[in-house]
C-alpha cells in the first residue's frame, strides 16, 4: 500500500546520528524506515520501522530498497548515514582493512544510491542525503582511510547531483564535525601496528577521545539532515554544528601554509 506521508530510508539508524535522524524525520512528517545490520531486539524510535541491511552487500542493499518500495510504494529521501571509522597510521592499516573501510563508506553509499535512483526518477523526484564529514574537506593524520572515504563521497555526490538534477532528484551532503556517539570506539584499529607510530597514535587517541566528549549532540546533526530533506531550495552542502562551520571556513579562507601549520599543531606533530 502506498504511503500517504513522504517516505525516508535511513541507514545506520540503530544508534547515534542515524537513530536521532530517524526520530527527527518522523517528527517532520515522514514515514521512516531505519536500518541496521541486526535490528532484532532493538527498540526503534516511535514511528520508525526497523529493517536489517548490510550495506557491504549488493544483494542486501537491493533487497532492502525493494522491500521498502513494496511496503510503502515509494522512497522520497535516502539518508546514507551508515559508516565505519578508522584509526592508525596508513602503514599500520593493511590493504584488506582499507578495502573494508572503503567497501562500507564509499561502495555502501554507491550501492544504496544506485538502488533508489530508478525509483526516484520514475516518481519524478527525491533526495539522496550523504553523511560526509568535515574530514571530507580537510586532512586528519592517523585517520587517512576514513578521510579518503569522505573525500570520495564529496566528489561522488557533487558529480552525481549534476547528473540527476534534471530528473527532479538532488544529491546533498551533510558535514558534521565530531559528534557524541560511539564512533571512535567502533573505529577499525590498525591491524599491523608499528612501534615507531605508537606515541603519535596515543596522542591521537587522547585527542579523539576529548573531541568526541566535547562534540555536538547527535540532535544537532539530525536537525540539519531534516533541513536538507525538506528545504524548498536545498543547498549542495550543509555543515552541521559550529565546529564544522569553523573548520569549513578555515579551509576556504586561510592560506595553505597557515592551514598546514594549524593541522600539525592541533595534532601535536613537529614543525
C-alpha atoms as a PDB file:
ATOM      1  CA  UNK A   1       0.000   0.000   0.000  1.00  0.00           C
ATOM      2  CA  UNK A   2       1.438   3.372  -0.978  1.00  0.00           C
ATOM      3  CA  UNK A   3       2.241   5.693   1.904  1.00  0.00           C
ATOM      4  CA  UNK A   4       0.384   8.975   2.303  1.00  0.00           C
ATOM      5  CA  UNK A   5       3.333  10.625   4.015  1.00  0.00           C
ATOM      6  CA  UNK A   6       6.716  11.037   2.279  1.00  0.00           C
ATOM      7  CA  UNK A   7       8.978   8.046   2.908  1.00  0.00           C
ATOM      8  CA  UNK A   8      12.537   8.280   4.245  1.00  0.00           C
ATOM      9  CA  UNK A   9      15.051   5.421   4.427  1.00  0.00           C
ATOM     10  CA  UNK A  10      17.895   5.972   6.925  1.00  0.00           C
ATOM     11  CA  UNK A  11      20.896   3.628   7.033  1.00  0.00           C
ATOM     12  CA  UNK A  12      22.790   3.063  10.262  1.00  0.00           C
ATOM     13  CA  UNK A  13      19.722   4.013  12.311  1.00  0.00           C
ATOM     14  CA  UNK A  14      20.266   1.706  15.290  1.00  0.00           C
ATOM     15  CA  UNK A  15      22.327   4.287  17.218  1.00  0.00           C
ATOM     16  CA  UNK A  16      23.948   7.719  17.150  1.00  0.00           C
ATOM     17  CA  UNK A  17      23.230  10.187  14.363  1.00  0.00           C
ATOM     18  CA  UNK A  18      21.127   7.702  12.387  1.00  0.00           C
ATOM     19  CA  UNK A  19      18.790   6.893  15.268  1.00  0.00           C
ATOM     20  CA  UNK A  20      18.381  10.571  16.153  1.00  0.00           C
ATOM     21  CA  UNK A  21      17.731  11.412  12.497  1.00  0.00           C
ATOM     22  CA  UNK A  22      15.094   8.692  12.135  1.00  0.00           C
ATOM     23  CA  UNK A  23      13.153  10.132  15.066  1.00  0.00           C
ATOM     24  CA  UNK A  24      13.540  13.711  13.820  1.00  0.00           C
ATOM     25  CA  UNK A  25      12.215  12.756  10.370  1.00  0.00           C
ATOM     26  CA  UNK A  26       9.133  11.162  11.966  1.00  0.00           C
ATOM     27  CA  UNK A  27       8.538  14.441  13.820  1.00  0.00           C
ATOM     28  CA  UNK A  28       8.882  16.263  10.482  1.00  0.00           C
ATOM     29  CA  UNK A  29       6.065  14.186   8.975  1.00  0.00           C
ATOM     30  CA  UNK A  30       7.912  11.332   7.267  1.00  0.00           C
ATOM     31  CA  UNK A  31       7.203   7.623   7.220  1.00  0.00           C
ATOM     32  CA  UNK A  32      10.646   6.373   8.316  1.00  0.00           C
ATOM     33  CA  UNK A  33      12.417   3.073   7.791  1.00  0.00           C
ATOM     34  CA  UNK A  34      15.680   2.757   9.699  1.00  0.00           C
ATOM     35  CA  UNK A  35      18.266   0.090   9.002  1.00  0.00           C
ATOM     36  CA  UNK A  36      20.963  -1.735  10.930  1.00  0.00           C
ATOM     37  CA  UNK A  37      22.933  -4.926  10.441  1.00  0.00           C
ATOM     38  CA  UNK A  38      20.921  -6.712  13.153  1.00  0.00           C
ATOM     39  CA  UNK A  39      17.873  -4.864  14.415  1.00  0.00           C
ATOM     40  CA  UNK A  40      16.057  -7.705  16.223  1.00  0.00           C
ATOM     41  CA  UNK A  41      15.822  -6.885  19.909  1.00  0.00           C
ATOM     42  CA  UNK A  42      16.428  -3.161  19.307  1.00  0.00           C
ATOM     43  CA  UNK A  43      13.748  -0.613  20.151  1.00  0.00           C
ATOM     44  CA  UNK A  44      13.258   1.873  17.302  1.00  0.00           C
ATOM     45  CA  UNK A  45      12.229   5.475  17.969  1.00  0.00           C
ATOM     46  CA  UNK A  46       8.433   5.990  17.936  1.00  0.00           C
ATOM     47  CA  UNK A  47       7.088   5.774  14.410  1.00  0.00           C
ATOM     48  CA  UNK A  48      10.218   4.174  12.924  1.00  0.00           C
ATOM     49  CA  UNK A  49      10.184   0.752  11.246  1.00  0.00           C
ATOM     50  CA  UNK A  50      13.467  -1.170  11.553  1.00  0.00           C
ATOM     51  CA  UNK A  51      14.851  -3.280   8.708  1.00  0.00           C
ATOM     52  CA  UNK A  52      18.014  -5.414   8.535  1.00  0.00           C
ATOM     53  CA  UNK A  53      20.552  -4.233   5.969  1.00  0.00           C
ATOM     54  CA  UNK A  54      24.227  -4.887   5.267  1.00  0.00           C
ATOM     55  CA  UNK A  55      25.386  -2.025   3.063  1.00  0.00           C
ATOM     56  CA  UNK A  56      28.538  -4.021   2.327  1.00  0.00           C
ATOM     57  CA  UNK A  57      26.437  -6.430   0.233  1.00  0.00           C
ATOM     58  CA  UNK A  58      24.965  -5.742  -3.224  1.00  0.00           C
ATOM     59  CA  UNK A  59      22.142  -8.228  -2.648  1.00  0.00           C
ATOM     60  CA  UNK A  60      21.247  -6.843   0.791  1.00  0.00           C
ATOM     61  CA  UNK A  61      21.103  -3.256  -0.496  1.00  0.00           C
ATOM     62  CA  UNK A  62      18.920  -4.198  -3.475  1.00  0.00           C
ATOM     63  CA  UNK A  63      16.612  -6.338  -1.335  1.00  0.00           C
ATOM     64  CA  UNK A  64      16.146  -3.658   1.337  1.00  0.00           C
ATOM     65  CA  UNK A  65      15.158  -0.991  -1.195  1.00  0.00           C
ATOM     66  CA  UNK A  66      12.805  -3.437  -2.947  1.00  0.00           C
ATOM     67  CA  UNK A  67      11.148  -4.252   0.395  1.00  0.00           C
ATOM     68  CA  UNK A  68      10.595  -0.577   1.229  1.00  0.00           C
ATOM     69  CA  UNK A  69       9.111   0.084  -2.225  1.00  0.00           C
ATOM     70  CA  UNK A  70       6.898  -2.975  -1.872  1.00  0.00           C
ATOM     71  CA  UNK A  71       5.613  -1.983   1.579  1.00  0.00           C
ATOM     72  CA  UNK A  72       5.405   1.807   1.233  1.00  0.00           C
ATOM     73  CA  UNK A  73       5.195   2.401  -2.513  1.00  0.00           C
ATOM     74  CA  UNK A  74       7.996   4.944  -2.772  1.00  0.00           C
ATOM     75  CA  UNK A  75      11.217   6.377  -1.311  1.00  0.00           C
ATOM     76  CA  UNK A  76      11.409  10.157  -1.189  1.00  0.00           C
ATOM     77  CA  UNK A  77      14.563  10.561   0.893  1.00  0.00           C
ATOM     78  CA  UNK A  78      17.545   8.250   1.343  1.00  0.00           C
ATOM     79  CA  UNK A  79      19.930   9.172   4.163  1.00  0.00           C
ATOM     80  CA  UNK A  80      23.231   7.347   3.680  1.00  0.00           C
ATOM     81  CA  UNK A  81      24.457   7.528   7.261  1.00  0.00           C
ATOM     82  CA  UNK A  82      25.958   4.079   7.998  1.00  0.00           C
ATOM     83  CA  UNK A  83      29.722   4.148   8.100  1.00  0.00           C
ATOM     84  CA  UNK A  84      32.912   2.873   9.672  1.00  0.00           C
ATOM     85  CA  UNK A  85      35.728   4.853  11.305  1.00  0.00           C
ATOM     86  CA  UNK A  86      39.410   4.120  11.048  1.00  0.00           C
ATOM     87  CA  UNK A  87      42.450   4.782  13.205  1.00  0.00           C
ATOM     88  CA  UNK A  88      46.180   4.303  12.854  1.00  0.00           C
ATOM     89  CA  UNK A  89      48.911   5.420  10.502  1.00  0.00           C
ATOM     90  CA  UNK A  90      48.495   4.342   6.888  1.00  0.00           C
ATOM     91  CA  UNK A  91      51.463   1.977   7.221  1.00  0.00           C
ATOM     92  CA  UNK A  92      49.610   0.274  10.072  1.00  0.00           C
ATOM     93  CA  UNK A  93      46.431  -0.406   8.079  1.00  0.00           C
ATOM     94  CA  UNK A  94      46.557  -3.411   5.767  1.00  0.00           C
ATOM     95  CA  UNK A  95      45.134  -3.251   2.253  1.00  0.00           C
ATOM     96  CA  UNK A  96      42.404  -5.649   3.402  1.00  0.00           C
ATOM     97  CA  UNK A  97      41.467  -3.177   6.147  1.00  0.00           C
ATOM     98  CA  UNK A  98      41.399  -0.345   3.615  1.00  0.00           C
ATOM     99  CA  UNK A  99      39.141  -2.411   1.368  1.00  0.00           C
ATOM    100  CA  UNK A 100      36.738  -2.996   4.258  1.00  0.00           C
ATOM    101  CA  UNK A 101      36.500   0.705   5.204  1.00  0.00           C
ATOM    102  CA  UNK A 102      36.028   1.786   1.590  1.00  0.00           C
ATOM    103  CA  UNK A 103      33.538  -1.018   0.918  1.00  0.00           C
ATOM    104  CA  UNK A 104      31.281   0.287   3.685  1.00  0.00           C
ATOM    105  CA  UNK A 105      31.857   4.047   3.481  1.00  0.00           C
ATOM    106  CA  UNK A 106      32.077   4.503  -0.283  1.00  0.00           C
ATOM    107  CA  UNK A 107      30.676   1.443  -2.047  1.00  0.00           C
ATOM    108  CA  UNK A 108      27.909   1.199   0.559  1.00  0.00           C
ATOM    109  CA  UNK A 109      26.740   4.681  -0.405  1.00  0.00           C
ATOM    110  CA  UNK A 110      27.031   3.814  -4.097  1.00  0.00           C
ATOM    111  CA  UNK A 111      25.048   0.567  -3.673  1.00  0.00           C
ATOM    112  CA  UNK A 112      22.200   2.267  -1.853  1.00  0.00           C
ATOM    113  CA  UNK A 113      22.138   5.249  -4.204  1.00  0.00           C
ATOM    114  CA  UNK A 114      22.050   3.076  -7.328  1.00  0.00           C
ATOM    115  CA  UNK A 115      19.224   1.041  -5.807  1.00  0.00           C
ATOM    116  CA  UNK A 116      16.976   4.068  -5.132  1.00  0.00           C
ATOM    117  CA  UNK A 117      17.707   6.258  -8.176  1.00  0.00           C
ATOM    118  CA  UNK A 118      15.470   4.418 -10.688  1.00  0.00           C
ATOM    119  CA  UNK A 119      12.517   4.727  -8.270  1.00  0.00           C
ATOM    120  CA  UNK A 120      13.178   8.407  -7.580  1.00  0.00           C
ATOM    121  CA  UNK A 121      13.454   9.199 -11.287  1.00  0.00           C
ATOM    122  CA  UNK A 122      10.256   7.258 -12.042  1.00  0.00           C
ATOM    123  CA  UNK A 123       8.305   9.161  -9.391  1.00  0.00           C
ATOM    124  CA  UNK A 124       9.753  12.488 -10.616  1.00  0.00           C
ATOM    125  CA  UNK A 125      11.708  13.455  -7.524  1.00  0.00           C
ATOM    126  CA  UNK A 126      13.678  12.505  -4.434  1.00  0.00           C
ATOM    127  CA  UNK A 127      16.694  13.367  -2.335  1.00  0.00           C
ATOM    128  CA  UNK A 128      19.787  11.370  -1.502  1.00  0.00           C
ATOM    129  CA  UNK A 129      21.487  12.828   1.571  1.00  0.00           C
ATOM    130  CA  UNK A 130      25.016  11.555   2.075  1.00  0.00           C
ATOM    131  CA  UNK A 131      26.543  11.990   5.519  1.00  0.00           C
ATOM    132  CA  UNK A 132      30.044  13.209   4.830  1.00  0.00           C
ATOM    133  CA  UNK A 133      32.214  14.949   7.426  1.00  0.00           C
ATOM    134  CA  UNK A 134      34.400  17.998   7.778  1.00  0.00           C
ATOM    135  CA  UNK A 135      37.075  15.343   7.161  1.00  0.00           C
ATOM    136  CA  UNK A 136      35.763  15.277   3.600  1.00  0.00           C
ATOM    137  CA  UNK A 137      37.301  18.758   3.336  1.00  0.00           C
ATOM    138  CA  UNK A 138      40.425  18.607   5.487  1.00  0.00           C
ATOM    139  CA  UNK A 139      43.172  16.120   6.371  1.00  0.00           C
ATOM    140  CA  UNK A 140      43.347  14.217   9.656  1.00  0.00           C
ATOM    141  CA  UNK A 141      46.547  12.307  10.383  1.00  0.00           C
ATOM    142  CA  UNK A 142      46.004   8.774  11.704  1.00  0.00           C
ATOM    143  CA  UNK A 143      42.566   8.580  10.088  1.00  0.00           C
ATOM    144  CA  UNK A 144      43.625   8.512   6.441  1.00  0.00           C
ATOM    145  CA  UNK A 145      41.320   5.665   5.340  1.00  0.00           C
ATOM    146  CA  UNK A 146      38.248   7.382   6.790  1.00  0.00           C
ATOM    147  CA  UNK A 147      39.334  10.745   5.388  1.00  0.00           C
ATOM    148  CA  UNK A 148      39.851   9.182   1.947  1.00  0.00           C
ATOM    149  CA  UNK A 149      36.351   7.693   2.074  1.00  0.00           C
ATOM    150  CA  UNK A 150      34.745  11.035   2.932  1.00  0.00           C
ATOM    151  CA  UNK A 151      36.714  12.916   0.272  1.00  0.00           C
ATOM    152  CA  UNK A 152      35.462  10.294  -2.201  1.00  0.00           C
ATOM    153  CA  UNK A 153      31.842  10.813  -1.101  1.00  0.00           C
ATOM    154  CA  UNK A 154      32.197  14.570  -1.579  1.00  0.00           C
ATOM    155  CA  UNK A 155      33.319  14.190  -5.200  1.00  0.00           C
ATOM    156  CA  UNK A 156      30.836  11.409  -5.964  1.00  0.00           C
ATOM    157  CA  UNK A 157      27.871  13.308  -4.547  1.00  0.00           C
ATOM    158  CA  UNK A 158      28.575  16.619  -6.242  1.00  0.00           C
ATOM    159  CA  UNK A 159      29.161  14.922  -9.603  1.00  0.00           C
ATOM    160  CA  UNK A 160      26.025  12.773  -9.309  1.00  0.00           C
ATOM    161  CA  UNK A 161      23.917  15.767  -8.299  1.00  0.00           C
ATOM    162  CA  UNK A 162      24.640  17.341 -11.684  1.00  0.00           C
ATOM    163  CA  UNK A 163      23.620  14.126 -13.475  1.00  0.00           C
ATOM    164  CA  UNK A 164      20.227  13.664 -11.813  1.00  0.00           C
ATOM    165  CA  UNK A 165      19.042  17.206 -11.120  1.00  0.00           C
ATOM    166  CA  UNK A 166      17.116  17.452 -14.392  1.00  0.00           C
ATOM    167  CA  UNK A 167      15.149  14.352 -13.310  1.00  0.00           C
ATOM    168  CA  UNK A 168      13.945  16.025 -10.126  1.00  0.00           C
ATOM    169  CA  UNK A 169      16.475  14.259  -7.879  1.00  0.00           C
ATOM    170  CA  UNK A 170      19.018  16.026  -5.669  1.00  0.00           C
ATOM    171  CA  UNK A 171      22.135  14.553  -4.042  1.00  0.00           C
ATOM    172  CA  UNK A 172      23.137  16.537  -0.965  1.00  0.00           C
ATOM    173  CA  UNK A 173      25.957  16.442   1.583  1.00  0.00           C
ATOM    174  CA  UNK A 174      25.793  16.943   5.339  1.00  0.00           C
ATOM    175  CA  UNK A 175      29.137  17.593   7.043  1.00  0.00           C
ATOM    176  CA  UNK A 176      29.231  17.077  10.814  1.00  0.00           C
ATOM    177  CA  UNK A 177      32.319  17.590  12.942  1.00  0.00           C
ATOM    178  CA  UNK A 178      32.963  15.406  15.984  1.00  0.00           C
ATOM    179  CA  UNK A 179      29.694  14.177  17.471  1.00  0.00           C
ATOM    180  CA  UNK A 180      28.915  12.497  20.798  1.00  0.00           C
ATOM    181  CA  UNK A 181      28.451   8.927  19.546  1.00  0.00           C
ATOM    182  CA  UNK A 182      30.264   5.604  19.867  1.00  0.00           C
ATOM    183  CA  UNK A 183      32.040   6.318  16.580  1.00  0.00           C
ATOM    184  CA  UNK A 184      35.585   6.336  17.997  1.00  0.00           C
ATOM    185  CA  UNK A 185      35.136   3.113  19.974  1.00  0.00           C
ATOM    186  CA  UNK A 186      33.829   1.322  16.860  1.00  0.00           C
ATOM    187  CA  UNK A 187      36.619   2.524  14.542  1.00  0.00           C
ATOM    188  CA  UNK A 188      38.801  -0.025  12.762  1.00  0.00           C
ATOM    189  CA  UNK A 189      42.076  -0.215  14.728  1.00  0.00           C
ATOM    190  CA  UNK A 190      45.414  -0.822  12.979  1.00  0.00           C
ATOM    191  CA  UNK A 191      45.885  -4.493  12.164  1.00  0.00           C
ATOM    192  CA  UNK A 192      49.633  -4.188  11.555  1.00  0.00           C
ATOM    193  CA  UNK A 193      50.754  -1.745  14.304  1.00  0.00           C
ATOM    194  CA  UNK A 194      54.320  -0.413  14.178  1.00  0.00           C
ATOM    195  CA  UNK A 195      56.262   0.765  17.265  1.00  0.00           C
ATOM    196  CA  UNK A 196      57.556   3.929  15.567  1.00  0.00           C
ATOM    197  CA  UNK A 197      53.985   5.299  15.342  1.00  0.00           C
ATOM    198  CA  UNK A 198      52.873   4.202  18.841  1.00  0.00           C
ATOM    199  CA  UNK A 199      53.490   7.532  20.603  1.00  0.00           C
ATOM    200  CA  UNK A 200      51.796   9.604  17.906  1.00  0.00           C
ATOM    201  CA  UNK A 201      48.889   7.171  17.868  1.00  0.00           C
ATOM    202  CA  UNK A 202      48.470   7.535  21.637  1.00  0.00           C
ATOM    203  CA  UNK A 203      48.387  11.329  21.230  1.00  0.00           C
ATOM    204  CA  UNK A 204      45.789  10.931  18.503  1.00  0.00           C
ATOM    205  CA  UNK A 205      43.650   8.608  20.643  1.00  0.00           C
ATOM    206  CA  UNK A 206      43.666  11.125  23.512  1.00  0.00           C
ATOM    207  CA  UNK A 207      42.782  13.977  21.157  1.00  0.00           C
ATOM    208  CA  UNK A 208      39.959  11.943  19.612  1.00  0.00           C
ATOM    209  CA  UNK A 209      38.518  10.925  22.984  1.00  0.00           C
ATOM    210  CA  UNK A 210      38.427  14.575  24.064  1.00  0.00           C
ATOM    211  CA  UNK A 211      36.981  15.714  20.731  1.00  0.00           C
ATOM    212  CA  UNK A 212      34.144  13.191  20.975  1.00  0.00           C
ATOM    213  CA  UNK A 213      33.441  14.202  24.590  1.00  0.00           C
ATOM    214  CA  UNK A 214      33.274  17.865  23.554  1.00  0.00           C
ATOM    215  CA  UNK A 215      31.439  17.091  20.312  1.00  0.00           C
ATOM    216  CA  UNK A 216      27.978  18.095  19.142  1.00  0.00           C
ATOM    217  CA  UNK A 217      24.902  16.238  20.268  1.00  0.00           C
ATOM    218  CA  UNK A 218      23.584  13.944  17.502  1.00  0.00           C
ATOM    219  CA  UNK A 219      20.354  16.020  17.597  1.00  0.00           C
ATOM    220  CA  UNK A 220      22.312  18.963  16.124  1.00  0.00           C
ATOM    221  CA  UNK A 221      23.208  16.855  13.094  1.00  0.00           C
ATOM    222  CA  UNK A 222      19.714  15.348  12.827  1.00  0.00           C
ATOM    223  CA  UNK A 223      18.178  18.817  12.641  1.00  0.00           C
ATOM    224  CA  UNK A 224      20.440  19.700   9.704  1.00  0.00           C
ATOM    225  CA  UNK A 225      19.601  16.431   7.930  1.00  0.00           C
ATOM    226  CA  UNK A 226      15.877  17.226   8.276  1.00  0.00           C
ATOM    227  CA  UNK A 227      16.570  20.659   6.758  1.00  0.00           C
ATOM    228  CA  UNK A 228      18.349  19.012   3.809  1.00  0.00           C
ATOM    229  CA  UNK A 229      15.370  16.678   3.397  1.00  0.00           C
ATOM    230  CA  UNK A 230      12.746  19.434   3.495  1.00  0.00           C
ATOM    231  CA  UNK A 231      14.246  22.741   2.273  1.00  0.00           C
ATOM    232  CA  UNK A 232      12.349  24.012  -0.754  1.00  0.00           C
ATOM    233  CA  UNK A 233      15.646  25.117  -2.331  1.00  0.00           C
ATOM    234  CA  UNK A 234      18.231  22.712  -0.917  1.00  0.00           C
ATOM    235  CA  UNK A 235      21.937  23.520  -0.742  1.00  0.00           C
ATOM    236  CA  UNK A 236      24.534  21.089  -2.041  1.00  0.00           C
ATOM    237  CA  UNK A 237      26.435  21.152   1.268  1.00  0.00           C
ATOM    238  CA  UNK A 238      25.205  21.599   4.832  1.00  0.00           C
ATOM    239  CA  UNK A 239      27.668  21.961   7.693  1.00  0.00           C
ATOM    240  CA  UNK A 240      26.289  20.652  10.985  1.00  0.00           C
ATOM    241  CA  UNK A 241      27.328  22.494  14.136  1.00  0.00           C
ATOM    242  CA  UNK A 242      29.579  25.456  14.936  1.00  0.00           C
ATOM    243  CA  UNK A 243      32.839  23.498  14.856  1.00  0.00           C
ATOM    244  CA  UNK A 244      32.077  22.122  11.402  1.00  0.00           C
ATOM    245  CA  UNK A 245      31.308  25.653  10.160  1.00  0.00           C
ATOM    246  CA  UNK A 246      34.603  26.921  11.602  1.00  0.00           C
ATOM    247  CA  UNK A 247      36.668  24.127  10.019  1.00  0.00           C
ATOM    248  CA  UNK A 248      34.955  24.611   6.654  1.00  0.00           C
ATOM    249  CA  UNK A 249      35.556  28.384   6.737  1.00  0.00           C
ATOM    250  CA  UNK A 250      39.198  27.920   7.802  1.00  0.00           C
ATOM    251  CA  UNK A 251      39.839  25.592   4.868  1.00  0.00           C
ATOM    252  CA  UNK A 252      38.405  28.143   2.444  1.00  0.00           C
ATOM    253  CA  UNK A 253      39.899  31.314   3.891  1.00  0.00           C
ATOM    254  CA  UNK A 254      43.289  30.536   5.443  1.00  0.00           C
ATOM    255  CA  UNK A 255      46.453  30.473   3.291  1.00  0.00           C
ATOM    256  CA  UNK A 256      47.611  26.910   2.620  1.00  0.00           C
ATOM    257  CA  UNK A 257      50.771  27.267   4.728  1.00  0.00           C
ATOM    258  CA  UNK A 258      48.867  28.632   7.717  1.00  0.00           C
ATOM    259  CA  UNK A 259      46.268  25.876   7.495  1.00  0.00           C
ATOM    260  CA  UNK A 260      49.008  23.232   7.250  1.00  0.00           C
ATOM    261  CA  UNK A 261      50.669  24.560  10.419  1.00  0.00           C
ATOM    262  CA  UNK A 262      47.313  24.544  12.207  1.00  0.00           C
ATOM    263  CA  UNK A 263      46.770  20.861  11.350  1.00  0.00           C
ATOM    264  CA  UNK A 264      50.219  19.930  12.682  1.00  0.00           C
ATOM    265  CA  UNK A 265      49.781  21.978  15.853  1.00  0.00           C
ATOM    266  CA  UNK A 266      46.357  20.535  16.671  1.00  0.00           C
ATOM    267  CA  UNK A 267      47.751  17.008  16.229  1.00  0.00           C
ATOM    268  CA  UNK A 268      50.897  17.672  18.304  1.00  0.00           C
ATOM    269  CA  UNK A 269      53.128  16.993  15.302  1.00  0.00           C
ATOM    270  CA  UNK A 270      56.595  18.578  14.998  1.00  0.00           C
ATOM    271  CA  UNK A 271      57.243  21.507  12.677  1.00  0.00           C
END
